[in-house]
Protein backbone atom coordinates (compact mmCIF):
# COMPACT_ATOMS: atom_id res chain seq x y z
CA UNK A 1 -30.19 11.57 -5.76
CA UNK A 2 -26.82 12.70 -4.48
CA UNK A 3 -23.76 10.46 -4.40
CA UNK A 4 -24.35 9.20 -0.84
CA UNK A 5 -27.97 8.25 -1.55
CA UNK A 6 -26.92 6.38 -4.69
CA UNK A 7 -24.14 4.63 -2.73
CA UNK A 8 -26.46 3.44 0.02
CA UNK A 9 -28.80 1.83 -2.51
CA UNK A 10 -26.11 -0.39 -4.06
CA UNK A 11 -22.85 -0.57 -2.05
CA UNK A 12 -21.69 -2.86 0.79
CA UNK A 13 -18.65 -1.21 2.39
CA UNK A 14 -15.66 -3.02 3.96
CA UNK A 15 -15.23 -3.25 7.74
CA UNK A 16 -18.61 -1.57 8.13
CA UNK A 17 -21.73 -2.54 10.05
CA UNK A 18 -24.11 -1.22 7.42
CA UNK A 19 -27.10 -1.04 9.77
CA UNK A 20 -25.54 1.37 12.24
CA UNK A 21 -22.83 3.17 10.24
CA UNK A 22 -23.20 6.82 9.39
CA UNK A 23 -23.41 7.66 5.67
CA UNK A 24 -20.05 7.57 3.84
CA UNK A 25 -18.20 10.77 2.98
CA UNK A 26 -18.58 11.43 -0.77
CA UNK A 27 -15.05 12.12 -2.05
CA UNK A 28 -14.86 13.36 -5.64
CA UNK A 29 -11.31 14.69 -6.00
CA UNK A 30 -7.83 14.34 -4.56
CA UNK A 31 -4.71 16.50 -4.77
CA UNK A 32 -1.50 16.07 -2.82
CA UNK A 33 -2.17 15.09 0.78
CA UNK A 34 -5.80 16.24 0.59
CA UNK A 35 -9.18 14.95 -0.55
CA UNK A 36 -12.30 16.94 -1.41
CA UNK A 37 -15.96 15.99 -1.07
CA UNK A 38 -18.77 16.84 -3.46
CA UNK A 39 -19.51 20.05 -1.51
CA UNK A 40 -15.90 21.16 -1.86
CA UNK A 41 -14.89 20.49 1.75
CA UNK A 42 -11.19 19.69 2.14
CA UNK A 43 -9.90 16.77 4.21
CA UNK A 44 -6.25 16.18 5.09
CA UNK A 45 -5.59 12.48 4.48
CA UNK A 46 -3.74 11.62 7.68
CA UNK A 47 -3.77 7.86 7.01
CA UNK A 48 -2.79 7.82 3.33
CA UNK A 49 -6.14 6.23 2.43
CA UNK A 50 -5.54 2.91 4.20
CA UNK A 51 -1.75 3.35 4.13
CA UNK A 52 -1.35 3.14 0.35
CA UNK A 53 -0.91 6.69 -0.88
CA UNK A 54 2.74 7.58 -0.33
CA UNK A 55 3.18 10.38 -2.89
CA UNK A 56 -0.14 12.19 -2.64
CA UNK A 57 -3.40 11.88 -4.53
CA UNK A 58 -3.73 12.18 -8.31
CA UNK A 59 0.00 12.62 -8.76
CA UNK A 60 0.51 14.03 -12.29
CA UNK A 61 3.65 11.99 -12.99
CA UNK A 62 1.99 8.67 -12.13
CA UNK A 63 -1.12 9.70 -14.09
CA UNK A 64 1.01 10.53 -17.13
CA UNK A 65 2.80 7.17 -17.06
CA UNK A 66 -0.45 5.24 -16.59
CA UNK A 67 -2.08 7.14 -19.48
CA UNK A 68 0.88 6.36 -21.74
CA UNK A 69 0.70 2.67 -20.84
CA UNK A 70 -3.03 2.51 -21.60
CA UNK A 71 -2.32 3.47 -25.21
CA UNK A 72 0.34 0.73 -25.56
CA UNK A 73 -0.86 -2.38 -23.70
CA UNK A 74 -3.62 -2.61 -21.11
CA UNK A 75 -3.36 -6.32 -20.30
CA UNK A 76 -1.99 -9.66 -21.43
CA UNK A 77 -2.17 -13.12 -19.90
CA UNK A 78 1.00 -13.64 -17.83
CA UNK A 79 1.22 -17.42 -18.16
CA UNK A 80 3.41 -18.05 -21.19
CA UNK A 81 3.71 -14.34 -21.99
CA UNK A 82 5.60 -11.35 -20.62
CA UNK A 83 5.75 -7.60 -21.20
CA UNK A 84 8.21 -4.73 -20.57
CA UNK A 85 6.70 -3.12 -17.48
CA UNK A 86 6.56 -6.40 -15.52
CA UNK A 87 10.18 -7.21 -16.31
CA UNK A 88 11.42 -3.68 -15.58
CA UNK A 89 9.53 -3.46 -12.28
CA UNK A 90 10.93 -6.79 -11.08
CA UNK A 91 14.45 -5.75 -12.12
CA UNK A 92 14.25 -2.40 -10.37
CA UNK A 93 12.61 -3.65 -7.19
CA UNK A 94 15.01 -6.57 -6.75
CA UNK A 95 17.90 -4.12 -7.22
CA UNK A 96 16.93 -2.19 -4.06
CA UNK A 97 15.90 -5.19 -1.94
CA UNK A 98 18.28 -7.35 0.13
CA UNK A 99 20.60 -9.10 -2.33
CA UNK A 100 19.26 -12.56 -1.48
CA UNK A 101 15.96 -11.68 -3.18
CA UNK A 102 16.28 -13.03 -6.71
CA UNK A 103 12.81 -13.77 -8.14
CA UNK A 104 9.49 -11.89 -8.21
CA UNK A 105 6.00 -13.38 -8.38
CA UNK A 106 3.10 -11.04 -9.18
CA UNK A 107 -0.37 -11.06 -7.65
CA UNK A 108 -3.17 -8.56 -6.98
CA UNK A 109 -2.97 -7.18 -3.43
CA UNK A 110 -1.40 -7.60 0.01
CA UNK A 111 -3.48 -10.60 1.07
CA UNK A 112 -2.66 -12.51 -2.10
CA UNK A 113 1.02 -11.59 -1.84
CA UNK A 114 0.94 -13.31 1.56
CA UNK A 115 -1.03 -16.28 0.19
CA UNK A 116 1.69 -16.76 -2.43
CA UNK A 117 4.42 -16.62 0.22
CA UNK A 118 2.69 -19.21 2.41
CA UNK A 119 2.15 -21.53 -0.55
CA UNK A 120 5.78 -21.13 -1.60
CA UNK A 121 6.97 -22.22 1.84
CA UNK A 122 4.60 -25.16 2.25
CA UNK A 123 5.29 -26.47 -1.23
CA UNK A 124 9.03 -25.85 -0.89
CA UNK A 125 9.14 -28.60 1.74
CA UNK A 126 6.60 -30.78 -0.03
CA UNK A 127 8.58 -30.68 -3.27
CA UNK A 128 11.54 -32.13 -1.36
CA UNK A 129 9.41 -34.90 0.18
CA UNK A 130 9.93 -33.30 3.60
CA UNK A 131 6.46 -31.94 4.32
CA UNK A 132 6.19 -29.35 7.08
CA UNK A 133 2.74 -28.04 7.87
CA UNK A 134 3.09 -25.68 10.84
CA UNK A 135 3.64 -21.96 10.52
CA UNK A 136 5.01 -19.59 13.15
CA UNK A 137 3.56 -16.09 13.52
CA UNK A 138 3.31 -13.31 16.06
CA UNK A 139 0.30 -12.90 18.32
CA UNK A 140 -1.94 -10.03 17.21
CA UNK A 141 -0.58 -10.28 13.66
CA UNK A 142 -2.56 -9.11 10.67
CA UNK A 143 -1.60 -10.40 7.23
CA UNK A 144 -4.84 -10.05 5.25
CA UNK A 145 -8.39 -11.29 4.88
CA UNK A 146 -8.11 -14.27 2.52
CA UNK A 147 -8.10 -17.66 4.24
CA UNK A 148 -4.36 -18.31 4.34
CA UNK A 149 -3.66 -14.73 5.38
CA UNK A 150 -6.35 -14.97 8.08
CA UNK A 151 -4.87 -18.23 9.36
CA UNK A 152 -1.49 -16.62 10.04
CA UNK A 153 -3.16 -13.57 11.60
CA UNK A 154 -4.01 -13.36 15.28
CA UNK A 155 -7.37 -14.81 16.21
CA UNK A 156 -9.81 -11.95 16.72
CA UNK A 157 -13.29 -10.69 15.89
CA UNK A 158 -12.16 -10.50 12.27
CA UNK A 159 -11.49 -14.25 12.09
CA UNK A 160 -14.04 -15.55 14.62
CA UNK A 161 -16.61 -16.77 12.09
CA UNK A 162 -13.94 -18.78 10.29
CA UNK A 163 -11.67 -20.00 13.11
CA UNK A 164 -12.67 -23.66 12.78
CA UNK A 165 -11.62 -23.61 9.12
CA UNK A 166 -8.18 -22.03 9.58
CA UNK A 167 -5.03 -24.18 9.56
CA UNK A 168 -2.83 -24.64 12.59
CA UNK A 169 -0.43 -21.85 13.46
CA UNK A 170 1.98 -21.45 16.38
CA UNK A 171 1.72 -17.92 17.77
CA UNK A 172 4.50 -16.29 19.77
CA UNK A 173 4.91 -12.98 21.59
CA UNK A 174 6.73 -10.03 20.07
CA UNK A 175 10.43 -10.35 20.96
CA UNK A 176 12.09 -8.33 23.68
CA UNK A 177 15.10 -8.59 25.95
CA UNK A 178 13.33 -10.75 28.52
CA UNK A 179 11.76 -13.34 26.20
CA UNK A 180 14.12 -13.63 23.24
CA UNK A 181 15.90 -16.75 24.51
CA UNK A 182 12.61 -18.47 25.26
CA UNK A 183 11.30 -17.64 21.79
CA UNK A 184 14.39 -19.12 20.19
CA UNK A 185 13.93 -22.27 22.27
CA UNK A 186 10.35 -22.56 21.04
CA UNK A 187 11.58 -22.37 17.45
CA UNK A 188 14.22 -25.02 18.09
CA UNK A 189 11.67 -27.37 19.61
CA UNK A 190 9.34 -27.01 16.62
CA UNK A 191 11.90 -26.76 13.82
CA UNK A 192 11.15 -30.15 12.24
CA UNK A 193 7.49 -29.16 11.85
CA UNK A 194 7.83 -25.48 10.92
CA UNK A 195 7.51 -24.57 7.26
CA UNK A 196 8.13 -20.90 7.95
CA UNK A 197 7.96 -17.90 10.26
CA UNK A 198 5.93 -14.93 8.98
CA UNK A 199 6.18 -11.49 10.55
CA UNK A 200 5.38 -7.82 10.13
CA UNK A 201 8.82 -6.23 10.55
CA UNK A 202 9.07 -3.67 13.37
CA UNK A 203 5.41 -2.56 13.34
CA UNK A 204 2.18 -4.54 13.68
CA UNK A 205 -0.17 -2.14 11.94
CA UNK A 206 -3.74 -3.34 12.45
CA UNK A 207 -2.93 -4.55 15.96
CA UNK A 208 -2.64 -0.92 17.00
CA UNK A 209 0.74 0.09 15.58
CA UNK A 210 2.53 -2.18 18.06
CA UNK A 211 6.28 -1.68 17.69
CA UNK A 212 9.29 -3.78 18.60
CA UNK A 213 13.05 -3.47 18.23
CA UNK A 214 14.99 -4.48 15.14
CA UNK A 215 17.75 -6.16 17.18
CA UNK A 216 15.37 -8.82 18.52
CA UNK A 217 13.79 -9.43 15.12
CA UNK A 218 17.30 -9.85 13.76
CA UNK A 219 17.99 -12.52 16.40
CA UNK A 220 14.80 -14.41 15.52
CA UNK A 221 15.50 -14.38 11.78
CA UNK A 222 19.09 -15.51 12.39
CA UNK A 223 17.87 -18.32 14.63
CA UNK A 224 15.32 -19.45 12.06
CA UNK A 225 18.06 -19.62 9.45
CA UNK A 226 20.25 -21.62 11.82
CA UNK A 227 17.40 -24.07 12.43
CA UNK A 228 16.40 -24.33 8.76
CA UNK A 229 13.07 -22.49 9.10
CA UNK A 230 12.11 -20.25 6.18
CA UNK A 231 11.18 -16.64 6.96
CA UNK A 232 8.59 -14.33 5.37
CA UNK A 233 8.70 -10.55 5.86
CA UNK A 234 5.28 -9.03 5.27
CA UNK A 235 6.30 -5.56 4.06
CA UNK A 236 2.87 -4.80 2.61
CA UNK A 237 2.44 -1.98 5.13
CA UNK A 238 6.01 -1.20 6.20
CA UNK A 239 7.59 -1.12 2.75
CA UNK A 240 8.55 1.95 0.72
CA UNK A 241 9.76 4.24 3.46
CA UNK A 242 7.22 3.93 6.25
CA UNK A 243 9.77 2.98 8.94
CA UNK A 244 12.31 5.62 7.93
CA UNK A 245 14.33 3.36 5.64
CA UNK A 246 13.34 2.05 2.22
CA UNK A 247 12.12 -1.21 3.73
CA UNK A 248 11.68 -2.28 7.34
CA UNK A 249 14.07 -5.16 6.69
CA UNK A 250 16.78 -2.59 5.98
CA UNK A 251 16.91 -2.14 9.77
CA UNK A 252 18.19 -5.72 10.22
CA UNK A 253 21.22 -7.58 8.88
CA UNK A 254 19.73 -11.08 8.74
CA UNK A 255 17.51 -11.09 5.70
CA UNK A 256 14.25 -13.01 5.12
CA UNK A 257 13.81 -15.69 2.49
CA UNK A 258 10.58 -14.18 1.15
CA UNK A 259 9.19 -10.64 1.11
CA UNK A 260 5.62 -9.45 0.40
CA UNK A 261 4.62 -6.07 -1.08
CA UNK A 262 1.52 -4.09 -2.02
CA UNK A 263 -0.03 -0.81 -0.71
CA UNK A 264 2.74 1.74 -1.44
CA UNK A 265 4.01 -0.35 -4.35
CA UNK A 266 1.92 1.65 -6.85
CA UNK A 267 1.77 4.79 -4.74
CA UNK A 268 -1.84 3.89 -4.01
CA UNK A 269 -2.83 4.26 -7.66
CA UNK A 270 -3.85 0.69 -8.51
CA UNK A 271 -4.12 -2.75 -6.96
CA UNK A 272 -0.95 -4.82 -7.29
CA UNK A 273 0.78 -7.43 -5.16
CA UNK A 274 4.29 -8.84 -5.40
CA UNK A 275 6.16 -11.60 -3.57
CA UNK A 276 9.93 -11.96 -3.89
CA UNK A 277 12.06 -14.92 -2.89
CA UNK A 278 15.54 -16.39 -2.86
CA UNK A 279 17.03 -18.48 -5.65
CA UNK A 280 16.99 -21.46 -3.29
CA UNK A 281 13.21 -21.34 -2.96
CA UNK A 282 12.73 -20.83 -6.70
CA UNK A 283 15.02 -23.77 -7.49
CA UNK A 284 12.91 -26.11 -5.33
CA UNK A 285 10.12 -25.76 -7.89
CA UNK A 286 12.30 -26.61 -10.90
CA UNK A 287 11.61 -30.19 -11.98
CA UNK A 288 10.63 -32.48 -14.83
CA UNK A 289 7.70 -33.36 -12.60
CA UNK A 290 4.95 -30.88 -13.45
CA UNK A 291 3.31 -31.52 -10.09
CA UNK A 292 6.12 -29.50 -8.51
CA UNK A 293 4.90 -26.35 -10.29
CA UNK A 294 3.68 -23.45 -8.16
CA UNK A 295 0.03 -23.60 -9.16
CA UNK A 296 -0.99 -20.06 -8.37
CA UNK A 297 -2.14 -17.17 -10.53
CA UNK A 298 -4.63 -14.35 -11.01
CA UNK A 299 -6.40 -13.00 -14.08
CA UNK A 300 -4.72 -9.64 -13.55
CA UNK A 301 -1.28 -10.96 -12.60
CA UNK A 302 1.39 -8.40 -13.55
CA UNK A 303 -1.16 -6.11 -15.17
CA UNK A 304 0.86 -3.74 -17.41
CA UNK A 305 -1.02 -0.62 -16.28
CA UNK A 306 -0.53 -1.44 -12.59
CA UNK A 307 3.15 -2.19 -13.24
CA UNK A 308 3.54 1.16 -14.99
CA UNK A 309 1.99 2.89 -11.96
CA UNK A 310 4.47 1.04 -9.72
CA UNK A 311 7.40 2.06 -11.91
CA UNK A 312 6.29 5.70 -11.76
CA UNK A 313 5.85 5.43 -7.99
CA UNK A 314 9.36 3.98 -7.71
CA UNK A 315 10.77 6.88 -9.72
CA UNK A 316 9.25 9.26 -7.20
CA UNK A 317 10.23 7.11 -4.22
CA UNK A 318 13.89 7.10 -5.20
CA UNK A 319 14.07 10.89 -5.57
CA UNK A 320 16.21 12.67 -2.96
CA UNK A 321 13.27 14.91 -2.07
CA UNK A 322 11.21 11.88 -0.99
CA UNK A 323 13.93 10.71 1.40
CA UNK A 324 14.09 14.25 2.77
CA UNK A 325 10.32 14.33 3.27
CA UNK A 326 10.38 10.99 5.08
CA UNK A 327 13.06 12.32 7.42
CA UNK A 328 11.14 15.57 7.89
CA UNK A 329 7.93 13.75 8.87
CA UNK A 330 9.78 11.35 11.18
CA UNK A 331 11.49 14.25 12.96
CA UNK A 332 8.22 16.13 13.26
CA UNK A 333 6.48 13.08 14.73
CA UNK A 334 9.32 12.63 17.19
CA UNK A 335 8.99 16.22 18.44
CA UNK A 336 5.22 15.86 18.79
CA UNK A 337 5.63 12.57 20.69
CA UNK A 338 7.87 14.32 23.22
CA UNK A 339 5.37 17.14 23.56
CA UNK A 340 2.35 14.98 24.45
CA UNK A 341 3.84 11.85 26.03
CA UNK A 342 3.15 13.02 29.59
CA UNK A 343 -0.42 14.14 28.97
CA UNK A 344 -2.74 12.40 31.49
CA UNK A 345 -5.03 11.13 28.73
CA UNK A 346 -2.16 9.55 26.80
CA UNK A 347 -1.30 6.03 27.91
CA UNK A 348 1.62 5.57 25.50
CA UNK A 349 3.07 7.15 22.37
CA UNK A 350 4.85 4.97 19.83
CA UNK A 351 6.82 6.12 16.80
CA UNK A 352 8.82 4.47 14.05
CA UNK A 353 9.75 6.56 11.00
CA UNK A 354 6.66 8.22 9.50
CA UNK A 355 4.33 6.25 11.79
CA UNK A 356 3.17 7.71 15.10
CA UNK A 357 0.52 6.14 17.34
CA UNK A 358 -1.06 7.51 20.49
CA UNK A 359 -2.89 5.19 22.85
CA UNK A 360 -5.71 7.03 24.58
CA UNK A 361 -6.21 6.26 28.28
CA UNK A 362 -9.72 4.89 28.76
CA UNK A 363 -9.43 3.22 32.16
CA UNK A 364 -10.09 -0.09 30.47
CA UNK A 365 -8.04 -2.35 28.24
CA UNK A 366 -7.15 -1.23 24.75
CA UNK A 367 -9.82 -2.45 22.34
CA UNK A 368 -10.57 -2.13 18.64
CA UNK A 369 -14.22 -1.80 19.63
CA UNK A 370 -13.69 1.02 22.12
CA UNK A 371 -16.61 3.47 22.07
CA UNK A 372 -14.00 6.22 21.95
CA UNK A 373 -13.18 5.26 18.39
CA UNK A 374 -16.28 6.76 16.79
CA UNK A 375 -16.06 9.93 18.90
CA UNK A 376 -12.48 10.51 17.80
CA UNK A 377 -13.14 9.59 14.17
CA UNK A 378 -16.01 12.06 13.78
CA UNK A 379 -14.25 14.74 15.84
CA UNK A 380 -11.34 14.80 13.40
CA UNK A 381 -13.57 14.40 10.36
CA UNK A 382 -15.53 17.51 11.36
CA UNK A 383 -12.17 19.31 11.57
CA UNK A 384 -11.31 18.26 8.02
CA UNK A 385 -8.88 15.49 8.97
CA UNK A 386 -9.12 11.83 8.01
CA UNK A 387 -7.81 9.72 10.86
CA UNK A 388 -9.10 6.18 11.36
CA UNK A 389 -8.52 5.22 15.00
CA UNK A 390 -7.86 1.59 15.86
CA UNK A 391 -10.21 1.61 18.81
CA UNK A 392 -8.67 4.00 21.33
CA UNK A 393 -5.42 4.26 19.37
CA UNK A 394 -4.96 7.26 17.07
CA UNK A 395 -2.23 7.11 14.48
CA UNK A 396 -0.89 9.43 11.81
CA UNK A 397 0.53 7.96 8.63
CA UNK A 398 0.53 10.72 6.01
CA UNK A 399 1.57 10.90 2.37
CA UNK A 400 5.20 12.02 2.17
CA UNK A 401 4.19 15.24 0.41
CA UNK A 402 2.19 16.54 3.37
CA UNK A 403 3.14 20.09 4.28
CA UNK A 404 4.41 21.11 7.69
CA UNK A 405 1.35 23.34 8.01
CA UNK A 406 -1.05 20.44 7.48
CA UNK A 407 0.94 18.19 9.78
CA UNK A 408 0.96 20.83 12.51
CA UNK A 409 -2.78 21.32 12.04
CA UNK A 410 -3.32 17.58 12.71
CA UNK A 411 -1.14 17.78 15.81
CA UNK A 412 -3.04 20.83 17.08
CA UNK A 413 -6.39 19.10 16.63
CA UNK A 414 -5.13 16.05 18.52
CA UNK A 415 -4.05 18.32 21.39
CA UNK A 416 -7.46 19.98 21.25
CA UNK A 417 -9.20 16.59 21.35
CA UNK A 418 -7.15 15.65 24.40
CA UNK A 419 -8.67 18.64 26.21
CA UNK A 420 -12.23 18.33 24.89
CA UNK A 421 -12.97 14.58 24.77
């Protein structure tokens, strides 16, 4: 049996209706911005393999550091113990985050990083005998697939089977010039009940790469601080250069109380989650009363090998060449957006940093379940490009090492699709 046949006998894939889905593509090797299947066909990874791979596949520097770590320490329980890579990673990450971020809590992935943040906020108030149980979030948000992360995500087909089990959340519109005062009034009216406000800064990824301006987010965060509402920035997707700066929160001056990280944290090499917070939040858990402990942990918390991958990824991320590549991709996207924005089949084009999204005109409302999705997906796949449309929205989110030639090839195939589909 070949790899696909073996897969179909034993694997249940994510976000996949297994009865109707076409067989998976059997990838056996990766190099730079490209992947190769078992027949040797090359695919340009236009979505960084679910937005995680920021430096390219099988990067030799990350591989070297991971290999070295495996010969020193592969794992140790993180309750009551510590190890060098966890300490160094926390030190180095906190050094490039907003200066109010003072403590780091490790977990396993983006969803659990969000779970930790939510639990921090709820227990922060509970530990002070001032329980607040409501959470504020944006409509159409996506923060993960575990129960807490689902609860603070917009209600959709992804949460429908579980809606009756999710805790209460107040959802508000994305901020703009016309609604910002009303949004602030809503926060003021709910402030005594709100434990926190969680948001994806500047870009709502899974919602269709919906984008909003930093100035209005800055106003909301400032207002939350004024009203005593904690804020959580979910930088799982936007962190590590995606919006053109190191972190999306670098675009605003009012900084969140808590920040969540994963995806690009290890350069896509291994699963790792991390939640940072202010000293004020950390101090609320310090007590002689052991019931005020943050009772959260994972078997693989602060795994040394994953931390070493993250440290290697950070080395690469902080290189001047990476910043230059981010700027190069952003400029290239901007030029392409101008080129196609008036095409009759393009409803809108949105761009922030290395993220560009094109909403295809269908005559109907935008939908994740648009029949156009599969046509576009397989059209690009046959051309050797991995794009994963969000319904009728195509987006490009490449590794920073992608060449201009590969980027221009993706653009050309999108223009071709606009004429042929």
